Amino acid sequence: MTSELALRLVGMILLALLGARIGIEVAAPPLAPDIFALIFGLTGALVGLILTPYVTTRPARAARHVIREMPAEVLLTSIIGLIFGLIIAALFSVPLGLLPPPFSQWVPSIVAVVAAYLSITIFAFRAQDVFRLARELFRGGTEAARVEVMPTEAQILLDTSVIIDGRILDISKTGFLLGTLVIPRFVLAELQHIADSGDVLRRNRGRRGLEILEELQRGSKAPVHVADIEVEGVREVDDKLVVLAKQNQALLMTNDYNLNRVAELQGVKVLNINELANAVKAIFLPNETLTITIIAEGKEQNQGVGYLDDGTMVVVEDGKRHMDRTIEVIVTRMIQTAAGKMYFARPLEDSRR
């Protein structure tokens, strides 16, 4: 028997008894009280059977869902706001209790509800400001608190795209990641599902992801943890990652553009390896020289194209005649594209003429 069915039965019995009692009280001669008790009892039983979940389990389930998705700082400040509101209500209860009846009975309760609601709302909306003020007060209170403290170790959730990509393995070996790399069990299950796919390409990608995970656990300087956690009420893996990151104030590492946008719109901090790769590429200024191999023709006449070690494209004017040769070029300009930086250059020997 489910909890909802049990509560329906309890509600049905209680309201049936209450209905029968009301039926006896309202019965008037020559009408028999038993008839009224039966009618009101059956009506109460029906109302209890239908409405009990709407005032018990369903509000509780909705409240649990809200609390689960609520950021930790908002939940804490809401509790502080509730306590603050009840203190204010307690201070007002004594003078309000001196009012003539019936005001002395109802006004203190109304003031308590209003004060608690306003305090919770104000503290929840200004959660970040409350925490910032508390940190400043704490730091200013003692000499030791003036020293900047390192932040607590962060949790970094990995999705399947960043695992299959593989660059996380090299990044983790550098020691730049200050946090624990967390792979939820449902992400591992998705990798296993991809590895068992009938499509050869998907199967190879899934197996590569599992191999990357094994090497990550062996060679990463950052701690790696496979978390046996699940997110209730959510089916898609990407949605689960966003909810989990919000619940735990964790960072989300992904190469998926759509997941990146959705997570940022919901206030989740995202680490994107593609953006990191573009950010750490070497920058060359005009008139600097490069050594590059011309491997393809450009779109314009007589252009040649080569690539730096980090994959940055270099378009060489009058470079077609140097096809399949390694030459020195001088940078003329750089442009920023959606895919990263791209340089234009000309052969160094031409500039010396």
Protein backbone atom coordinates (compact mmCIF):
# COMPACT_ATOMS: atom_id res chain seq x y z
CA MET A 1 0.00 0.00 0.00
CA THR A 2 1.38 3.39 -0.98
CA SER A 3 1.57 6.29 1.45
CA GLU A 4 -0.94 8.29 -0.63
CA LEU A 5 -3.52 5.48 -0.52
CA ALA A 6 -3.02 5.08 3.23
CA LEU A 7 -3.56 8.79 3.78
CA ARG A 8 -6.67 8.70 1.56
CA LEU A 9 -8.13 5.95 3.77
CA VAL A 10 -7.27 7.79 6.99
CA GLY A 11 -8.79 11.02 5.63
CA MET A 12 -11.86 9.15 4.49
CA ILE A 13 -12.42 7.63 7.96
CA LEU A 14 -11.82 10.90 9.83
CA LEU A 15 -14.11 12.95 7.60
CA ALA A 16 -16.74 10.20 7.65
CA LEU A 17 -16.77 10.36 11.46
CA LEU A 18 -16.84 14.15 11.39
CA GLY A 19 -19.64 14.14 8.81
CA ALA A 20 -21.67 11.69 10.87
CA ARG A 21 -21.23 13.88 13.95
CA ILE A 22 -22.38 16.97 12.04
CA GLY A 23 -25.36 15.02 10.66
CA ILE A 24 -26.48 14.11 14.17
CA GLU A 25 -26.13 17.71 15.34
CA VAL A 26 -28.13 19.23 12.47
CA ALA A 27 -30.89 16.59 12.50
CA ALA A 28 -34.23 17.92 13.68
CA PRO A 29 -37.46 16.07 14.51
CA PRO A 30 -39.32 14.42 12.95
CA LEU A 31 -36.28 13.50 10.77
CA ALA A 32 -34.24 10.59 12.12
CA PRO A 33 -30.66 11.47 13.20
CA ASP A 34 -29.41 8.16 11.78
CA ILE A 35 -30.39 9.19 8.25
CA PHE A 36 -28.55 12.51 8.56
CA ALA A 37 -25.53 10.79 10.10
CA LEU A 38 -25.39 8.32 7.21
CA ILE A 39 -25.75 11.00 4.51
CA PHE A 40 -23.21 13.35 6.06
CA GLY A 41 -20.87 10.47 6.89
CA LEU A 42 -20.86 9.18 3.30
CA THR A 43 -20.32 12.73 1.99
CA GLY A 44 -17.40 13.22 4.40
CA ALA A 45 -15.89 9.86 3.39
CA LEU A 46 -16.08 10.81 -0.31
CA VAL A 47 -14.53 14.24 0.32
CA GLY A 48 -11.77 12.70 2.43
CA LEU A 49 -10.99 10.05 -0.18
CA ILE A 50 -10.69 12.63 -2.97
CA LEU A 51 -9.14 15.67 -1.28
CA THR A 52 -6.75 14.19 1.32
CA PRO A 53 -3.72 13.96 -1.08
CA TYR A 54 -4.20 17.59 -2.11
CA VAL A 55 -3.64 18.77 1.48
CA THR A 56 -1.01 16.18 2.53
CA THR A 57 1.28 14.29 0.14
CA ARG A 58 1.12 16.54 -2.92
CA PRO A 59 1.97 19.81 -1.12
CA ALA A 60 4.74 17.90 0.70
CA ARG A 61 6.08 16.58 -2.62
CA ALA A 62 5.98 20.04 -4.17
CA ALA A 63 7.75 21.54 -1.14
CA ARG A 64 10.42 18.82 -1.31
CA HIS A 65 11.00 19.57 -5.01
CA VAL A 66 11.33 23.31 -4.32
CA ILE A 67 13.74 22.74 -1.43
CA ARG A 68 15.82 20.31 -3.53
CA GLU A 69 16.27 22.84 -6.34
CA MET A 70 16.75 25.84 -4.05
CA PRO A 71 20.39 26.99 -3.75
CA ALA A 72 21.93 26.30 -0.34
CA GLU A 73 22.52 29.97 0.49
CA VAL A 74 18.89 30.86 -0.29
CA LEU A 75 17.63 28.00 1.90
CA LEU A 76 19.86 29.10 4.79
CA THR A 77 18.90 32.76 4.55
CA SER A 78 15.20 31.78 4.34
CA ILE A 79 15.53 29.91 7.63
CA ILE A 80 17.31 32.91 9.17
CA GLY A 81 14.53 35.16 7.85
CA LEU A 82 11.88 32.90 9.40
CA ILE A 83 13.60 33.09 12.80
CA PHE A 84 13.99 36.86 12.47
CA GLY A 85 10.29 37.26 11.55
CA LEU A 86 9.14 35.15 14.49
CA ILE A 87 11.28 37.22 16.87
CA ILE A 88 9.63 40.40 15.57
CA ALA A 89 6.19 38.80 15.96
CA ALA A 90 7.03 37.78 19.54
CA LEU A 91 8.02 41.37 20.38
CA PHE A 92 4.69 42.66 19.04
CA SER A 93 2.56 39.92 20.63
CA VAL A 94 2.58 41.51 24.12
CA PRO A 95 1.24 44.97 23.20
CA LEU A 96 -1.13 43.48 20.61
CA GLY A 97 -2.47 41.08 23.24
CA LEU A 98 -3.76 44.10 25.22
CA LEU A 99 -6.22 44.97 22.45
CA PRO A 100 -9.91 44.37 23.20
CA PRO A 101 -11.42 41.04 22.08
CA PRO A 102 -11.63 39.67 19.44
CA PHE A 103 -8.64 41.71 18.13
CA SER A 104 -6.37 40.42 20.90
CA GLN A 105 -6.97 36.86 19.65
CA TRP A 106 -6.50 37.33 15.88
CA VAL A 107 -4.18 40.31 15.33
CA PRO A 108 -1.04 38.73 16.93
CA SER A 109 -1.42 35.64 14.71
CA ILE A 110 -1.89 37.74 11.58
CA VAL A 111 1.16 39.86 12.46
CA ALA A 112 3.24 36.69 13.03
CA VAL A 113 2.31 35.28 9.60
CA VAL A 114 2.96 38.59 7.81
CA ALA A 115 6.28 39.18 9.61
CA ALA A 116 7.51 35.64 8.87
CA TYR A 117 6.51 35.89 5.18
CA LEU A 118 8.14 39.30 4.66
CA SER A 119 11.33 38.27 6.47
CA ILE A 120 11.67 35.05 4.47
CA THR A 121 11.07 36.90 1.19
CA ILE A 122 13.54 39.70 1.94
CA PHE A 123 16.30 37.39 3.16
CA ALA A 124 15.82 34.97 0.24
CA PHE A 125 15.96 37.73 -2.42
CA ARG A 126 19.08 39.27 -0.84
CA ALA A 127 20.85 35.98 -0.03
CA GLN A 128 24.09 36.91 -1.82
CA ASP A 129 24.19 40.32 -0.10
CA VAL A 130 23.58 38.74 3.31
CA PHE A 131 26.45 36.29 2.82
CA ARG A 132 28.73 39.06 1.51
CA LEU A 133 27.93 41.27 4.51
CA ALA A 134 28.52 38.38 6.91
CA ARG A 135 31.92 37.70 5.35
CA GLU A 136 32.91 41.35 5.58
CA LEU A 137 31.81 41.59 9.21
CA PHE A 138 33.66 38.41 10.06
CA ARG A 139 36.84 39.55 8.35
CA GLY A 140 36.72 42.93 10.06
CA GLY A 141 36.09 41.48 13.52
CA THR A 142 39.49 39.93 14.18
CA GLU A 143 43.03 40.45 12.99
CA ALA A 144 43.28 36.88 11.76
CA ALA A 145 40.15 37.26 9.67
CA ARG A 146 41.81 40.01 7.62
CA VAL A 147 43.97 37.43 5.88
CA GLU A 148 42.37 36.27 2.64
CA VAL A 149 41.31 32.66 2.97
CA MET A 150 41.54 30.21 0.09
CA PRO A 151 38.09 29.09 -1.12
CA THR A 152 36.92 25.62 -0.25
CA GLU A 153 37.62 22.91 -2.78
CA ALA A 154 35.09 23.01 -5.58
CA GLN A 155 33.29 20.12 -7.21
CA ILE A 156 33.56 19.94 -11.00
CA LEU A 157 30.90 17.84 -12.71
CA LEU A 158 32.00 16.25 -15.99
CA ASP A 159 29.58 15.46 -18.80
CA THR A 160 30.03 12.85 -21.50
CA SER A 161 31.22 15.30 -24.18
CA VAL A 162 34.18 16.51 -22.15
CA ILE A 163 35.17 12.96 -21.20
CA ILE A 164 35.04 11.67 -24.78
CA ASP A 165 36.95 14.77 -25.96
CA GLY A 166 39.92 13.59 -23.89
CA ARG A 167 41.67 16.92 -23.30
CA ILE A 168 40.50 16.87 -19.67
CA LEU A 169 43.12 14.16 -19.09
CA ASP A 170 46.02 16.43 -20.09
CA ILE A 171 44.55 19.40 -18.22
CA SER A 172 44.12 17.37 -15.03
CA LYS A 173 47.80 16.37 -15.13
CA THR A 174 48.94 20.01 -15.08
CA GLY A 175 47.58 20.72 -11.59
CA PHE A 176 45.56 23.77 -12.67
CA LEU A 177 42.24 22.21 -11.62
CA LEU A 178 41.67 23.09 -7.96
CA GLY A 179 38.76 20.85 -7.16
CA THR A 180 37.37 17.33 -7.26
CA LEU A 181 36.37 15.92 -10.64
CA VAL A 182 32.97 14.30 -10.11
CA ILE A 183 31.49 11.81 -12.57
CA PRO A 184 27.86 11.06 -11.62
CA ARG A 185 26.75 7.47 -12.03
CA PHE A 186 24.20 8.43 -14.70
CA VAL A 187 26.99 9.97 -16.85
CA LEU A 188 28.94 6.71 -16.57
CA ALA A 189 25.79 4.80 -17.55
CA GLU A 190 25.39 7.01 -20.63
CA LEU A 191 29.01 6.33 -21.62
CA GLN A 192 28.41 2.58 -21.28
CA HIS A 193 25.25 2.90 -23.39
CA ILE A 194 27.21 4.73 -26.12
CA ALA A 195 29.97 2.10 -25.95
CA ASP A 196 27.37 -0.64 -26.54
CA SER A 197 25.81 1.16 -29.52
CA GLY A 198 25.34 -0.63 -32.80
CA ASP A 199 26.82 2.35 -34.66
CA VAL A 200 30.57 1.91 -35.05
CA LEU A 201 31.41 5.60 -34.62
CA ARG A 202 29.29 5.96 -31.47
CA ARG A 203 30.69 2.72 -30.09
CA ASN A 204 34.27 3.91 -30.59
CA ARG A 205 33.48 7.25 -28.96
CA GLY A 206 31.95 5.52 -25.95
CA ARG A 207 34.92 3.18 -25.54
CA ARG A 208 37.30 6.11 -25.83
CA GLY A 209 35.39 7.87 -23.05
CA LEU A 210 35.67 4.84 -20.75
CA GLU A 211 39.40 4.60 -21.47
CA ILE A 212 39.84 8.31 -20.69
CA LEU A 213 38.07 7.78 -17.36
CA GLU A 214 40.40 4.92 -16.43
CA GLU A 215 43.48 7.01 -17.25
CA LEU A 216 41.96 9.98 -15.42
CA GLN A 217 41.64 7.97 -12.22
CA ARG A 218 45.24 6.83 -12.50
CA GLY A 219 47.04 9.99 -13.64
CA SER A 220 45.02 13.04 -12.58
CA LYS A 221 46.52 15.41 -10.01
CA ALA A 222 42.99 16.48 -9.09
CA PRO A 223 40.89 13.97 -7.10
CA VAL A 224 38.49 11.94 -9.26
CA HIS A 225 35.25 10.62 -7.75
CA VAL A 226 32.52 8.53 -9.36
CA ALA A 227 29.42 9.57 -7.40
CA ASP A 228 26.56 7.12 -6.97
CA ILE A 229 23.87 9.81 -7.07
CA GLU A 230 20.60 10.20 -8.93
CA VAL A 231 18.30 13.16 -9.60
CA GLU A 232 14.63 12.37 -9.06
CA GLY A 233 11.98 13.62 -11.45
CA VAL A 234 14.43 14.35 -14.29
CA ARG A 235 15.06 12.02 -17.25
CA GLU A 236 17.62 13.72 -19.53
CA VAL A 237 21.28 13.49 -18.53
CA ASP A 238 21.96 17.16 -19.35
CA ASP A 239 19.02 18.28 -17.20
CA LYS A 240 20.24 16.08 -14.35
CA LEU A 241 23.69 17.69 -14.53
CA VAL A 242 22.23 21.21 -14.35
CA VAL A 243 19.98 20.35 -11.39
CA LEU A 244 22.84 18.58 -9.60
CA ALA A 245 25.20 21.53 -10.15
CA LYS A 246 22.58 23.94 -8.75
CA GLN A 247 21.90 21.76 -5.72
CA ASN A 248 25.59 21.39 -4.81
CA GLN A 249 26.86 24.79 -6.01
CA ALA A 250 29.21 22.85 -8.28
CA LEU A 251 30.94 23.80 -11.52
CA LEU A 252 29.93 22.08 -14.76
CA MET A 253 32.58 21.18 -17.34
CA THR A 254 31.30 20.56 -20.86
CA ASN A 255 32.03 21.07 -24.55
CA ASP A 256 28.34 20.90 -25.46
CA TYR A 257 27.26 24.34 -26.70
CA ASN A 258 23.56 23.85 -25.92
CA LEU A 259 24.23 22.50 -22.42
CA ASN A 260 26.62 25.41 -21.86
CA ARG A 261 23.93 27.97 -22.72
CA VAL A 262 21.16 26.26 -20.72
CA ALA A 263 23.36 25.93 -17.64
CA GLU A 264 24.47 29.57 -17.75
CA LEU A 265 20.86 30.74 -18.12
CA GLN A 266 20.05 28.86 -14.90
CA GLY A 267 22.94 30.39 -12.98
CA VAL A 268 25.35 27.44 -13.16
CA LYS A 269 29.03 28.25 -13.64
CA VAL A 270 30.40 26.44 -16.70
CA LEU A 271 33.97 25.47 -17.59
CA ASN A 272 34.29 25.04 -21.35
CA ILE A 273 37.49 23.42 -22.61
CA ASN A 274 37.06 24.93 -26.08
CA GLU A 275 37.03 28.42 -24.55
CA LEU A 276 40.06 27.49 -22.44
CA ALA A 277 41.92 26.24 -25.52
CA ASN A 278 41.24 29.50 -27.37
CA ALA A 279 42.28 31.56 -24.36
CA VAL A 280 45.71 29.92 -23.93
CA LYS A 281 46.73 30.05 -27.59
CA ALA A 282 49.85 32.10 -28.17
CA ILE A 283 49.27 35.64 -29.45
CA PHE A 284 51.52 36.98 -32.19
CA LEU A 285 51.68 40.67 -32.93
CA PRO A 286 52.13 42.25 -36.37
CA ASN A 287 55.73 42.10 -37.66
CA GLU A 288 56.55 39.01 -35.57
CA THR A 289 57.96 36.05 -37.48
CA LEU A 290 56.70 32.45 -37.53
CA THR A 291 57.93 29.21 -39.01
CA ILE A 292 55.11 27.39 -40.73
CA THR A 293 54.49 24.63 -43.25
CA ILE A 294 52.19 25.50 -46.16
CA ILE A 295 49.85 22.52 -46.56
CA ALA A 296 46.85 23.84 -48.51
CA GLU A 297 45.70 26.52 -50.92
CA GLY A 298 43.76 29.52 -49.65
CA LYS A 299 40.43 30.82 -50.88
CA GLU A 300 41.98 33.79 -52.62
CA GLN A 301 44.41 33.61 -55.52
CA ASN A 302 47.98 32.59 -54.65
CA GLN A 303 47.18 32.19 -50.94
CA GLY A 304 48.65 29.35 -48.92
CA VAL A 305 47.39 27.98 -45.61
CA GLY A 306 49.30 26.51 -42.70
CA TYR A 307 48.60 25.76 -39.04
CA LEU A 308 50.42 26.44 -35.81
CA ASP A 309 51.04 23.66 -33.29
CA ASP A 310 47.86 24.64 -31.39
CA GLY A 311 45.74 24.43 -34.55
CA THR A 312 45.54 28.16 -35.26
CA MET A 313 45.14 28.88 -38.99
CA VAL A 314 47.66 31.10 -40.73
CA VAL A 315 46.79 32.44 -44.19
CA VAL A 316 49.94 33.36 -46.13
CA GLU A 317 49.63 35.82 -48.99
CA ASP A 318 51.53 34.65 -52.06
CA GLY A 319 52.14 31.38 -50.24
CA LYS A 320 50.80 28.99 -52.86
CA ARG A 321 54.19 28.78 -54.53
CA HIS A 322 55.64 27.44 -51.26
CA MET A 323 53.23 24.49 -51.11
CA ASP A 324 54.53 21.59 -48.95
CA ARG A 325 57.48 23.66 -47.78
CA THR A 326 58.37 25.04 -44.34
CA ILE A 327 59.10 28.76 -44.52
CA GLU A 328 59.38 31.80 -42.29
CA VAL A 329 56.54 34.28 -42.48
CA ILE A 330 55.90 37.69 -40.97
CA VAL A 331 52.53 38.37 -39.33
CA THR A 332 50.54 41.21 -40.89
CA ARG A 333 47.30 41.05 -38.90
CA MET A 334 45.15 38.88 -36.67
CA ILE A 335 41.37 38.51 -36.58
CA GLN A 336 39.15 36.90 -33.94
CA THR A 337 36.50 34.49 -35.25
CA ALA A 338 33.88 32.34 -33.55
CA ALA A 339 36.26 29.38 -33.89
CA GLY A 340 39.24 31.27 -32.45
CA LYS A 341 42.10 33.39 -33.78
CA MET A 342 43.28 33.48 -37.39
CA TYR A 343 46.47 35.13 -38.63
CA PHE A 344 47.39 36.65 -41.98
CA ALA A 345 51.04 36.75 -42.98
CA ARG A 346 53.40 37.02 -45.93
CA PRO A 347 56.69 35.20 -46.66
CA LEU A 348 59.60 36.79 -44.83
CA GLU A 349 61.81 36.60 -47.90
CA ASP A 350 59.36 38.84 -49.78
CA SER A 351 59.53 41.53 -47.11
CA ARG A 352 63.34 41.66 -47.33
CA ARG A 353 63.33 42.51 -51.01
